[in-house]
Each structure stands twice: as structure tokens, then as C-alpha cells.
Amino acid sequence: MEDRGLDVVLVNNGEEALGALSDASKPFDLLITDQAMPRMTGLELVRRVRPIHPDLPIILYTGNADARDAEEVEAAGVRALVRKPVDVAALGELLRDLLA
């Protein structure tokens, strides 16, 4: 993503992500989170981020999703559900669309 001119902040778990997103000195344009993370799931992170950043585009990355999960993810405010393995070209298009 950095090769596309994006500034990337990497964290090790959901708690670190929530901390970074709560820091008002660092505005974020997009959140990409894995569903399976230490300390909290991606969906839990989304639910905790929404009150702080209601308009932040969020991509949830997962290896295990079915139609029921997709409905829950959409209801939580996730803009896109990306299944593993990721098609890099498709992800690039998605990023372009969400950041436009």
C-alpha cells in the first residue's frame, strides 16, 4: 500500500488499533482489519470504532465468512468484506473507490 502513496500504520492487535484510532492527532482515512486478531476480533474493533469515527470506511479481511457473517458485518458498518486470499488488483480498486 505504501507503494501506492498511502501512509500505513501497522499494529499487532485490536487494542493497539483502537488506541491509534482514538488518538485525535493522527487522522485516518481508512481502516483495514483482520477478523482474527489477538485480544479482540475485527468485528469487535469495528463496533468500538464506529462511535468514534462514524464515517470511517472500514474493510474487514477474513478467511472464514458466509452469507450470515456478511449480513452481520454490514450491520456493524463495514464498507467491504474481503475474503482471503486477496486479489491485489481488486483490493487496489476497492481502496481507490473508498478513498475517492
PDB file of N, CA and C in Angstrom:
ATOM      1  N   MET A   1       0.818  -1.189   0.000  1.00  0.00           N
ATOM      2  CA  MET A   1       0.000   0.000   0.000  1.00  0.00           C
ATOM      3  C   MET A   1       0.865   1.257   0.000  1.00  0.00           C
ATOM      4  N   GLU A   2       2.004   1.155   0.662  1.00  0.00           N
ATOM      5  CA  GLU A   2       2.896   2.312   0.664  1.00  0.00           C
ATOM      6  C   GLU A   2       3.382   2.629  -0.744  1.00  0.00           C
ATOM      7  N   ASP A   3       3.513   1.585  -1.591  1.00  0.00           N
ATOM      8  CA  ASP A   3       3.930   1.828  -2.974  1.00  0.00           C
ATOM      9  C   ASP A   3       2.849   2.542  -3.774  1.00  0.00           C
ATOM     10  N   ARG A   4       1.649   2.627  -3.234  1.00  0.00           N
ATOM     11  CA  ARG A   4       0.554   3.376  -3.863  1.00  0.00           C
ATOM     12  C   ARG A   4       0.435   4.787  -3.282  1.00  0.00           C
ATOM     13  N   GLY A   5       1.415   5.162  -2.461  1.00  0.00           N
ATOM     14  CA  GLY A   5       1.413   6.505  -1.890  1.00  0.00           C
ATOM     15  C   GLY A   5       0.611   6.650  -0.613  1.00  0.00           C
ATOM     16  N   LEU A   6       0.230   5.536  -0.012  1.00  0.00           N
ATOM     17  CA  LEU A   6      -0.559   5.588   1.221  1.00  0.00           C
ATOM     18  C   LEU A   6       0.351   5.511   2.438  1.00  0.00           C
ATOM     19  N   ASP A   7       0.029   6.262   3.464  1.00  0.00           N
ATOM     20  CA  ASP A   7       0.715   6.141   4.751  1.00  0.00           C
ATOM     21  C   ASP A   7       0.028   5.021   5.512  1.00  0.00           C
ATOM     22  N   VAL A   8       0.806   4.071   5.990  1.00  0.00           N
ATOM     23  CA  VAL A   8       0.257   2.886   6.641  1.00  0.00           C
ATOM     24  C   VAL A   8       0.690   2.852   8.097  1.00  0.00           C
ATOM     25  N   VAL A   9      -0.249   2.548   8.973  1.00  0.00           N
ATOM     26  CA  VAL A   9       0.038   2.347  10.390  1.00  0.00           C
ATOM     27  C   VAL A   9      -0.276   0.887  10.688  1.00  0.00           C
ATOM     28  N   LEU A  10       0.748   0.135  11.077  1.00  0.00           N
ATOM     29  CA  LEU A  10       0.565  -1.275  11.407  1.00  0.00           C
ATOM     30  C   LEU A  10       0.534  -1.448  12.915  1.00  0.00           C
ATOM     31  N   VAL A  11      -0.373  -2.278  13.384  1.00  0.00           N
ATOM     32  CA  VAL A  11      -0.458  -2.598  14.806  1.00  0.00           C
ATOM     33  C   VAL A  11      -0.542  -4.109  14.954  1.00  0.00           C
ATOM     34  N   ASN A  12      -0.354  -4.587  16.177  1.00  0.00           N
ATOM     35  CA  ASN A  12      -0.299  -6.024  16.419  1.00  0.00           C
ATOM     36  C   ASN A  12      -1.609  -6.645  16.867  1.00  0.00           C
ATOM     37  N   ASN A  13      -2.555  -5.825  17.305  1.00  0.00           N
ATOM     38  CA  ASN A  13      -3.812  -6.389  17.792  1.00  0.00           C
ATOM     39  C   ASN A  13      -4.894  -5.311  17.799  1.00  0.00           C
ATOM     40  N   GLY A  14      -6.091  -5.728  18.120  1.00  0.00           N
ATOM     41  CA  GLY A  14      -7.226  -4.813  18.105  1.00  0.00           C
ATOM     42  C   GLY A  14      -7.126  -3.683  19.113  1.00  0.00           C
ATOM     43  N   GLU A  15      -6.556  -3.960  20.280  1.00  0.00           N
ATOM     44  CA  GLU A  15      -6.418  -2.909  21.288  1.00  0.00           C
ATOM     45  C   GLU A  15      -5.480  -1.808  20.805  1.00  0.00           C
ATOM     46  N   GLU A  16      -4.369  -2.198  20.160  1.00  0.00           N
ATOM     47  CA  GLU A  16      -3.455  -1.197  19.613  1.00  0.00           C
ATOM     48  C   GLU A  16      -4.134  -0.395  18.504  1.00  0.00           C
ATOM     49  N   ALA A  17      -4.926  -1.068  17.693  1.00  0.00           N
ATOM     50  CA  ALA A  17      -5.647  -0.373  16.619  1.00  0.00           C
ATOM     51  C   ALA A  17      -6.614   0.646  17.205  1.00  0.00           C
ATOM     52  N   LEU A  18      -7.353   0.248  18.221  1.00  0.00           N
ATOM     53  CA  LEU A  18      -8.301   1.161  18.861  1.00  0.00           C
ATOM     54  C   LEU A  18      -7.569   2.357  19.463  1.00  0.00           C
ATOM     55  N   GLY A  19      -6.421   2.108  20.073  1.00  0.00           N
ATOM     56  CA  GLY A  19      -5.629   3.200  20.631  1.00  0.00           C
ATOM     57  C   GLY A  19      -5.172   4.175  19.562  1.00  0.00           C
ATOM     58  N   ALA A  20      -4.684   3.650  18.441  1.00  0.00           N
ATOM     59  CA  ALA A  20      -4.230   4.515  17.342  1.00  0.00           C
ATOM     60  C   ALA A  20      -5.390   5.319  16.774  1.00  0.00           C
ATOM     61  N   LEU A  21      -6.537   4.679  16.616  1.00  0.00           N
ATOM     62  CA  LEU A  21      -7.702   5.358  16.055  1.00  0.00           C
ATOM     63  C   LEU A  21      -8.302   6.376  17.025  1.00  0.00           C
ATOM     64  N   SER A  22      -8.057   6.206  18.310  1.00  0.00           N
ATOM     65  CA  SER A  22      -8.578   7.133  19.316  1.00  0.00           C
ATOM     66  C   SER A  22      -7.710   8.373  19.461  1.00  0.00           C
ATOM     67  N   ASP A  23      -6.489   8.320  18.942  1.00  0.00           N
ATOM     68  CA  ASP A  23      -5.550   9.445  19.032  1.00  0.00           C
ATOM     69  C   ASP A  23      -5.936  10.498  18.003  1.00  0.00           C
ATOM     70  N   ALA A  24      -6.502  11.590  18.471  1.00  0.00           N
ATOM     71  CA  ALA A  24      -7.019  12.628  17.568  1.00  0.00           C
ATOM     72  C   ALA A  24      -5.932  13.316  16.756  1.00  0.00           C
ATOM     73  N   SER A  25      -4.664  13.191  17.162  1.00  0.00           N
ATOM     74  CA  SER A  25      -3.589  13.857  16.418  1.00  0.00           C
ATOM     75  C   SER A  25      -3.233  13.118  15.132  1.00  0.00           C
ATOM     76  N   LYS A  26      -3.760  11.910  14.963  1.00  0.00           N
ATOM     77  CA  LYS A  26      -3.471  11.116  13.769  1.00  0.00           C
ATOM     78  C   LYS A  26      -4.778  10.784  13.049  1.00  0.00           C
ATOM     79  N   PRO A  27      -5.217  11.626  12.129  1.00  0.00           N
ATOM     80  CA  PRO A  27      -6.463  11.309  11.418  1.00  0.00           C
ATOM     81  C   PRO A  27      -6.267  10.130  10.463  1.00  0.00           C
ATOM     82  N   PHE A  28      -7.254   9.276  10.381  1.00  0.00           N
ATOM     83  CA  PHE A  28      -7.217   8.119   9.491  1.00  0.00           C
ATOM     84  C   PHE A  28      -8.282   8.269   8.420  1.00  0.00           C
ATOM     85  N   ASP A  29      -7.956   7.826   7.214  1.00  0.00           N
ATOM     86  CA  ASP A  29      -8.894   7.860   6.095  1.00  0.00           C
ATOM     87  C   ASP A  29      -9.559   6.519   5.856  1.00  0.00           C
ATOM     88  N   LEU A  30      -8.994   5.448   6.430  1.00  0.00           N
ATOM     89  CA  LEU A  30      -9.459   4.094   6.137  1.00  0.00           C
ATOM     90  C   LEU A  30      -8.934   3.151   7.202  1.00  0.00           C
ATOM     91  N   LEU A  31      -9.717   2.122   7.519  1.00  0.00           N
ATOM     92  CA  LEU A  31      -9.279   1.056   8.414  1.00  0.00           C
ATOM     93  C   LEU A  31      -9.421  -0.265   7.678  1.00  0.00           C
ATOM     94  N   ILE A  32      -8.335  -1.027   7.644  1.00  0.00           N
ATOM     95  CA  ILE A  32      -8.380  -2.407   7.155  1.00  0.00           C
ATOM     96  C   ILE A  32      -8.023  -3.271   8.346  1.00  0.00           C
ATOM     97  N   THR A  33      -8.909  -4.180   8.716  1.00  0.00           N
ATOM     98  CA  THR A  33      -8.666  -5.031   9.874  1.00  0.00           C
ATOM     99  C   THR A  33      -8.942  -6.485   9.545  1.00  0.00           C
ATOM    100  N   ASP A  34      -8.149  -7.349  10.133  1.00  0.00           N
ATOM    101  CA  ASP A  34      -8.381  -8.783  10.021  1.00  0.00           C
ATOM    102  C   ASP A  34      -9.454  -9.158  11.035  1.00  0.00           C
ATOM    103  N   GLN A  35     -10.256 -10.135  10.730  1.00  0.00           N
ATOM    104  CA  GLN A  35     -11.260 -10.596  11.675  1.00  0.00           C
ATOM    105  C   GLN A  35     -10.599 -11.348  12.829  1.00  0.00           C
ATOM    106  N   ALA A  36      -9.585 -12.153  12.530  1.00  0.00           N
ATOM    107  CA  ALA A  36      -8.930 -12.969  13.555  1.00  0.00           C
ATOM    108  C   ALA A  36      -7.674 -12.260  14.049  1.00  0.00           C
ATOM    109  N   MET A  37      -7.804 -11.586  15.194  1.00  0.00           N
ATOM    110  CA  MET A  37      -6.673 -10.873  15.796  1.00  0.00           C
ATOM    111  C   MET A  37      -6.598 -11.213  17.276  1.00  0.00           C
ATOM    112  N   PRO A  38      -5.413 -11.021  17.869  1.00  0.00           N
ATOM    113  CA  PRO A  38      -5.314 -11.181  19.320  1.00  0.00           C
ATOM    114  C   PRO A  38      -6.115 -10.096  20.044  1.00  0.00           C
ATOM    115  N   ARG A  39      -6.640 -10.431  21.187  1.00  0.00           N
ATOM    116  CA  ARG A  39      -7.297  -9.526  22.140  1.00  0.00           C
ATOM    117  C   ARG A  39      -8.693  -9.064  21.768  1.00  0.00           C
ATOM    118  N   MET A  40      -9.013  -8.933  20.488  1.00  0.00           N
ATOM    119  CA  MET A  40     -10.391  -8.650  20.075  1.00  0.00           C
ATOM    120  C   MET A  40     -10.510  -8.969  18.591  1.00  0.00           C
ATOM    121  N   THR A  41     -11.684  -9.367  18.180  1.00  0.00           N
ATOM    122  CA  THR A  41     -11.882  -9.668  16.762  1.00  0.00           C
ATOM    123  C   THR A  41     -11.996  -8.372  15.965  1.00  0.00           C
ATOM    124  N   GLY A  42     -11.876  -8.507  14.663  1.00  0.00           N
ATOM    125  CA  GLY A  42     -12.047  -7.346  13.798  1.00  0.00           C
ATOM    126  C   GLY A  42     -13.430  -6.739  13.942  1.00  0.00           C
ATOM    127  N   LEU A  43     -14.438  -7.581  14.056  1.00  0.00           N
ATOM    128  CA  LEU A  43     -15.807  -7.085  14.203  1.00  0.00           C
ATOM    129  C   LEU A  43     -15.993  -6.350  15.535  1.00  0.00           C
ATOM    130  N   GLU A  44     -15.367  -6.845  16.596  1.00  0.00           N
ATOM    131  CA  GLU A  44     -15.412  -6.120  17.871  1.00  0.00           C
ATOM    132  C   GLU A  44     -14.749  -4.755  17.726  1.00  0.00           C
ATOM    133  N   LEU A  45     -13.623  -4.718  17.019  1.00  0.00           N
ATOM    134  CA  LEU A  45     -12.937  -3.447  16.783  1.00  0.00           C
ATOM    135  C   LEU A  45     -13.849  -2.482  16.036  1.00  0.00           C
ATOM    136  N   VAL A  46     -14.506  -2.970  14.997  1.00  0.00           N
ATOM    137  CA  VAL A  46     -15.413  -2.125  14.215  1.00  0.00           C
ATOM    138  C   VAL A  46     -16.493  -1.536  15.121  1.00  0.00           C
ATOM    139  N   ARG A  47     -17.071  -2.355  15.958  1.00  0.00           N
ATOM    140  CA  ARG A  47     -18.148  -1.883  16.847  1.00  0.00           C
ATOM    141  C   ARG A  47     -17.651  -0.831  17.837  1.00  0.00           C
ATOM    142  N   ARG A  48     -16.393  -0.909  18.214  1.00  0.00           N
ATOM    143  CA  ARG A  48     -15.837   0.076  19.151  1.00  0.00           C
ATOM    144  C   ARG A  48     -15.352   1.335  18.434  1.00  0.00           C
ATOM    145  N   VAL A  49     -15.007   1.207  17.166  1.00  0.00           N
ATOM    146  CA  VAL A  49     -14.527   2.353  16.382  1.00  0.00           C
ATOM    147  C   VAL A  49     -15.688   3.213  15.895  1.00  0.00           C
ATOM    148  N   ARG A  50     -16.809   2.599  15.558  1.00  0.00           N
ATOM    149  CA  ARG A  50     -17.939   3.330  14.964  1.00  0.00           C
ATOM    150  C   ARG A  50     -18.368   4.565  15.758  1.00  0.00           C
ATOM    151  N   PRO A  51     -18.485   4.500  17.098  1.00  0.00           N
ATOM    152  CA  PRO A  51     -18.882   5.712  17.830  1.00  0.00           C
ATOM    153  C   PRO A  51     -17.854   6.841  17.732  1.00  0.00           C
ATOM    154  N   ILE A  52     -16.583   6.493  17.569  1.00  0.00           N
ATOM    155  CA  ILE A  52     -15.508   7.485  17.491  1.00  0.00           C
ATOM    156  C   ILE A  52     -15.394   8.055  16.080  1.00  0.00           C
ATOM    157  N   HIS A  53     -15.521   7.181  15.092  1.00  0.00           N
ATOM    158  CA  HIS A  53     -15.360   7.547  13.676  1.00  0.00           C
ATOM    159  C   HIS A  53     -16.535   6.981  12.866  1.00  0.00           C
ATOM    160  N   PRO A  54     -17.699   7.605  12.951  1.00  0.00           N
ATOM    161  CA  PRO A  54     -18.885   7.043  12.293  1.00  0.00           C
ATOM    162  C   PRO A  54     -18.796   6.971  10.774  1.00  0.00           C
ATOM    163  N   ASP A  55     -17.968   7.802  10.149  1.00  0.00           N
ATOM    164  CA  ASP A  55     -17.894   7.820   8.685  1.00  0.00           C
ATOM    165  C   ASP A  55     -16.638   7.165   8.126  1.00  0.00           C
ATOM    166  N   LEU A  56     -15.803   6.600   8.976  1.00  0.00           N
ATOM    167  CA  LEU A  56     -14.553   5.989   8.523  1.00  0.00           C
ATOM    168  C   LEU A  56     -14.841   4.745   7.690  1.00  0.00           C
ATOM    169  N   PRO A  57     -14.347   4.689   6.445  1.00  0.00           N
ATOM    170  CA  PRO A  57     -14.518   3.465   5.661  1.00  0.00           C
ATOM    171  C   PRO A  57     -13.718   2.327   6.300  1.00  0.00           C
ATOM    172  N   ILE A  58     -14.353   1.173   6.437  1.00  0.00           N
ATOM    173  CA  ILE A  58     -13.700   0.023   7.065  1.00  0.00           C
ATOM    174  C   ILE A  58     -13.793  -1.180   6.134  1.00  0.00           C
ATOM    175  N   ILE A  59     -12.650  -1.843   5.966  1.00  0.00           N
ATOM    176  CA  ILE A  59     -12.562  -3.097   5.224  1.00  0.00           C
ATOM    177  C   ILE A  59     -12.242  -4.184   6.240  1.00  0.00           C
ATOM    178  N   LEU A  60     -13.036  -5.247   6.255  1.00  0.00           N
ATOM    179  CA  LEU A  60     -12.785  -6.399   7.119  1.00  0.00           C
ATOM    180  C   LEU A  60     -12.247  -7.523   6.255  1.00  0.00           C
ATOM    181  N   TYR A  61     -11.113  -8.049   6.663  1.00  0.00           N
ATOM    182  CA  TYR A  61     -10.374  -9.073   5.931  1.00  0.00           C
ATOM    183  C   TYR A  61     -10.557 -10.391   6.670  1.00  0.00           C
ATOM    184  N   THR A  62     -11.035 -11.441   5.990  1.00  0.00           N
ATOM    185  CA  THR A  62     -11.305 -12.693   6.687  1.00  0.00           C
ATOM    186  C   THR A  62     -11.098 -13.907   5.791  1.00  0.00           C
ATOM    187  N   GLY A  63     -10.774 -15.008   6.420  1.00  0.00           N
ATOM    188  CA  GLY A  63     -10.656 -16.273   5.710  1.00  0.00           C
ATOM    189  C   GLY A  63     -11.887 -17.134   5.890  1.00  0.00           C
ATOM    190  N   ASN A  64     -12.774 -16.731   6.778  1.00  0.00           N
ATOM    191  CA  ASN A  64     -13.962 -17.532   7.092  1.00  0.00           C
ATOM    192  C   ASN A  64     -15.188 -16.640   7.141  1.00  0.00           C
ATOM    193  N   ALA A  65     -15.924 -16.594   6.060  1.00  0.00           N
ATOM    194  CA  ALA A  65     -17.142 -15.776   6.053  1.00  0.00           C
ATOM    195  C   ALA A  65     -18.198 -16.452   5.202  1.00  0.00           C
ATOM    196  N   ASP A  66     -19.417 -16.434   5.697  1.00  0.00           N
ATOM    197  CA  ASP A  66     -20.540 -16.922   4.902  1.00  0.00           C
ATOM    198  C   ASP A  66     -21.574 -15.799   4.800  1.00  0.00           C
ATOM    199  N   ALA A  67     -22.704 -16.084   4.204  1.00  0.00           N
ATOM    200  CA  ALA A  67     -23.720 -15.052   3.981  1.00  0.00           C
ATOM    201  C   ALA A  67     -24.214 -14.452   5.296  1.00  0.00           C
ATOM    202  N   ARG A  68     -24.364 -15.277   6.315  1.00  0.00           N
ATOM    203  CA  ARG A  68     -24.823 -14.784   7.622  1.00  0.00           C
ATOM    204  C   ARG A  68     -23.804 -13.805   8.200  1.00  0.00           C
ATOM    205  N   ASP A  69     -22.521 -14.171   8.083  1.00  0.00           N
ATOM    206  CA  ASP A  69     -21.468 -13.278   8.562  1.00  0.00           C
ATOM    207  C   ASP A  69     -21.487 -11.960   7.795  1.00  0.00           C
ATOM    208  N   ALA A  70     -21.699 -12.031   6.493  1.00  0.00           N
ATOM    209  CA  ALA A  70     -21.712 -10.825   5.660  1.00  0.00           C
ATOM    210  C   ALA A  70     -22.808  -9.868   6.118  1.00  0.00           C
ATOM    211  N   GLU A  71     -23.964 -10.393   6.489  1.00  0.00           N
ATOM    212  CA  GLU A  71     -25.054  -9.547   6.976  1.00  0.00           C
ATOM    213  C   GLU A  71     -24.675  -8.874   8.297  1.00  0.00           C
ATOM    214  N   GLU A  72     -24.047  -9.624   9.200  1.00  0.00           N
ATOM    215  CA  GLU A  72     -23.622  -9.073  10.487  1.00  0.00           C
ATOM    216  C   GLU A  72     -22.556  -7.995  10.294  1.00  0.00           C
ATOM    217  N   VAL A  73     -21.640  -8.254   9.376  1.00  0.00           N
ATOM    218  CA  VAL A  73     -20.563  -7.312   9.075  1.00  0.00           C
ATOM    219  C   VAL A  73     -21.138  -6.012   8.514  1.00  0.00           C
ATOM    220  N   GLU A  74     -22.073  -6.129   7.598  1.00  0.00           N
ATOM    221  CA  GLU A  74     -22.704  -4.940   7.010  1.00  0.00           C
ATOM    222  C   GLU A  74     -23.460  -4.147   8.078  1.00  0.00           C
ATOM    223  N   ALA A  75     -24.167  -4.846   8.955  1.00  0.00           N
ATOM    224  CA  ALA A  75     -24.918  -4.176  10.019  1.00  0.00           C
ATOM    225  C   ALA A  75     -23.992  -3.427  10.981  1.00  0.00           C
ATOM    226  N   ALA A  76     -22.761  -3.910  11.135  1.00  0.00           N
ATOM    227  CA  ALA A  76     -21.792  -3.254  12.018  1.00  0.00           C
ATOM    228  C   ALA A  76     -21.191  -2.004  11.389  1.00  0.00           C
ATOM    229  N   GLY A  77     -21.384  -1.829  10.091  1.00  0.00           N
ATOM    230  CA  GLY A  77     -20.869  -0.636   9.428  1.00  0.00           C
ATOM    231  C   GLY A  77     -19.623  -0.849   8.601  1.00  0.00           C
ATOM    232  N   VAL A  78     -19.313  -2.105   8.307  1.00  0.00           N
ATOM    233  CA  VAL A  78     -18.164  -2.403   7.450  1.00  0.00           C
ATOM    234  C   VAL A  78     -18.549  -2.091   6.012  1.00  0.00           C
ATOM    235  N   ARG A  79     -17.687  -1.364   5.311  1.00  0.00           N
ATOM    236  CA  ARG A  79     -17.983  -0.983   3.923  1.00  0.00           C
ATOM    237  C   ARG A  79     -17.667  -2.096   2.934  1.00  0.00           C
ATOM    238  N   ALA A  80     -16.677  -2.956   3.266  1.00  0.00           N
ATOM    239  CA  ALA A  80     -16.316  -4.034   2.347  1.00  0.00           C
ATOM    240  C   ALA A  80     -15.788  -5.220   3.138  1.00  0.00           C
ATOM    241  N   LEU A  81     -16.210  -6.404   2.738  1.00  0.00           N
ATOM    242  CA  LEU A  81     -15.726  -7.657   3.303  1.00  0.00           C
ATOM    243  C   LEU A  81     -14.825  -8.289   2.253  1.00  0.00           C
ATOM    244  N   VAL A  82     -13.560  -8.481   2.595  1.00  0.00           N
ATOM    245  CA  VAL A  82     -12.583  -9.035   1.663  1.00  0.00           C
ATOM    246  C   VAL A  82     -12.183 -10.411   2.165  1.00  0.00           C
ATOM    247  N   ARG A  83     -12.332 -11.390   1.313  1.00  0.00           N
ATOM    248  CA  ARG A  83     -12.007 -12.761   1.693  1.00  0.00           C
ATOM    249  C   ARG A  83     -10.581 -13.116   1.287  1.00  0.00           C
ATOM    250  N   LYS A  84      -9.925 -13.890   2.149  1.00  0.00           N
ATOM    251  CA  LYS A  84      -8.576 -14.383   1.863  1.00  0.00           C
ATOM    252  C   LYS A  84      -8.683 -15.558   0.897  1.00  0.00           C
ATOM    253  N   PRO A  85      -7.737 -15.746   0.026  1.00  0.00           N
ATOM    254  CA  PRO A  85      -6.618 -14.854  -0.279  1.00  0.00           C
ATOM    255  C   PRO A  85      -7.104 -13.653  -1.083  1.00  0.00           C
ATOM    256  N   VAL A  86      -6.439 -12.541  -0.879  1.00  0.00           N
ATOM    257  CA  VAL A  86      -6.854 -11.288  -1.512  1.00  0.00           C
ATOM    258  C   VAL A  86      -6.295 -11.176  -2.917  1.00  0.00           C
ATOM    259  N   ASP A  87      -7.132 -10.708  -3.821  1.00  0.00           N
ATOM    260  CA  ASP A  87      -6.711 -10.346  -5.174  1.00  0.00           C
ATOM    261  C   ASP A  87      -6.178  -8.918  -5.068  1.00  0.00           C
ATOM    262  N   VAL A  88      -4.871  -8.760  -5.258  1.00  0.00           N
ATOM    263  CA  VAL A  88      -4.229  -7.462  -5.043  1.00  0.00           C
ATOM    264  C   VAL A  88      -4.809  -6.385  -5.959  1.00  0.00           C
ATOM    265  N   ALA A  89      -5.071  -6.725  -7.207  1.00  0.00           N
ATOM    266  CA  ALA A  89      -5.636  -5.738  -8.140  1.00  0.00           C
ATOM    267  C   ALA A  89      -7.029  -5.305  -7.681  1.00  0.00           C
ATOM    268  N   ALA A  90      -7.842  -6.264  -7.243  1.00  0.00           N
ATOM    269  CA  ALA A  90      -9.191  -5.936  -6.765  1.00  0.00           C
ATOM    270  C   ALA A  90      -9.123  -5.083  -5.496  1.00  0.00           C
ATOM    271  N   LEU A  91      -8.166  -5.382  -4.615  1.00  0.00           N
ATOM    272  CA  LEU A  91      -8.005  -4.577  -3.408  1.00  0.00           C
ATOM    273  C   LEU A  91      -7.599  -3.154  -3.773  1.00  0.00           C
ATOM    274  N   GLY A  92      -6.724  -3.012  -4.753  1.00  0.00           N
ATOM    275  CA  GLY A  92      -6.323  -1.680  -5.211  1.00  0.00           C
ATOM    276  C   GLY A  92      -7.506  -0.877  -5.716  1.00  0.00           C
ATOM    277  N   GLU A  93      -8.388  -1.521  -6.479  1.00  0.00           N
ATOM    278  CA  GLU A  93      -9.595  -0.842  -6.978  1.00  0.00           C
ATOM    279  C   GLU A  93     -10.512  -0.449  -5.825  1.00  0.00           C
ATOM    280  N   LEU A  94     -10.658  -1.360  -4.863  1.00  0.00           N
ATOM    281  CA  LEU A  94     -11.500  -1.083  -3.700  1.00  0.00           C
ATOM    282  C   LEU A  94     -10.955   0.110  -2.914  1.00  0.00           C
ATOM    283  N   LEU A  95      -9.649   0.146  -2.702  1.00  0.00           N
ATOM    284  CA  LEU A  95      -9.036   1.274  -1.997  1.00  0.00           C
ATOM    285  C   LEU A  95      -9.271   2.576  -2.744  1.00  0.00           C
ATOM    286  N   ARG A  96      -9.095   2.531  -4.037  1.00  0.00           N
ATOM    287  CA  ARG A  96      -9.309   3.731  -4.854  1.00  0.00           C
ATOM    288  C   ARG A  96     -10.754   4.216  -4.710  1.00  0.00           C
ATOM    289  N   ASP A  97     -11.707   3.290  -4.757  1.00  0.00           N
ATOM    290  CA  ASP A  97     -13.124   3.659  -4.629  1.00  0.00           C
ATOM    291  C   ASP A  97     -13.444   4.241  -3.247  1.00  0.00           C
ATOM    292  N   LEU A  98     -12.934   3.604  -2.199  1.00  0.00           N
ATOM    293  CA  LEU A  98     -13.249   4.050  -0.844  1.00  0.00           C
ATOM    294  C   LEU A  98     -12.573   5.363  -0.480  1.00  0.00           C
ATOM    295  N   LEU A  99     -11.430   5.632  -1.090  1.00  0.00           N
ATOM    296  CA  LEU A  99     -10.689   6.850  -0.763  1.00  0.00           C
ATOM    297  C   LEU A  99     -10.973   8.003  -1.715  1.00  0.00           C
ATOM    298  N   ALA A 100     -11.834   7.765  -2.701  1.00  0.00           N
ATOM    299  CA  ALA A 100     -12.143   8.817  -3.689  1.00  0.00           C
ATOM    300  C   ALA A 100     -12.982   9.920  -3.086  1.00  0.00           C
TER     301      ALA A 100
END
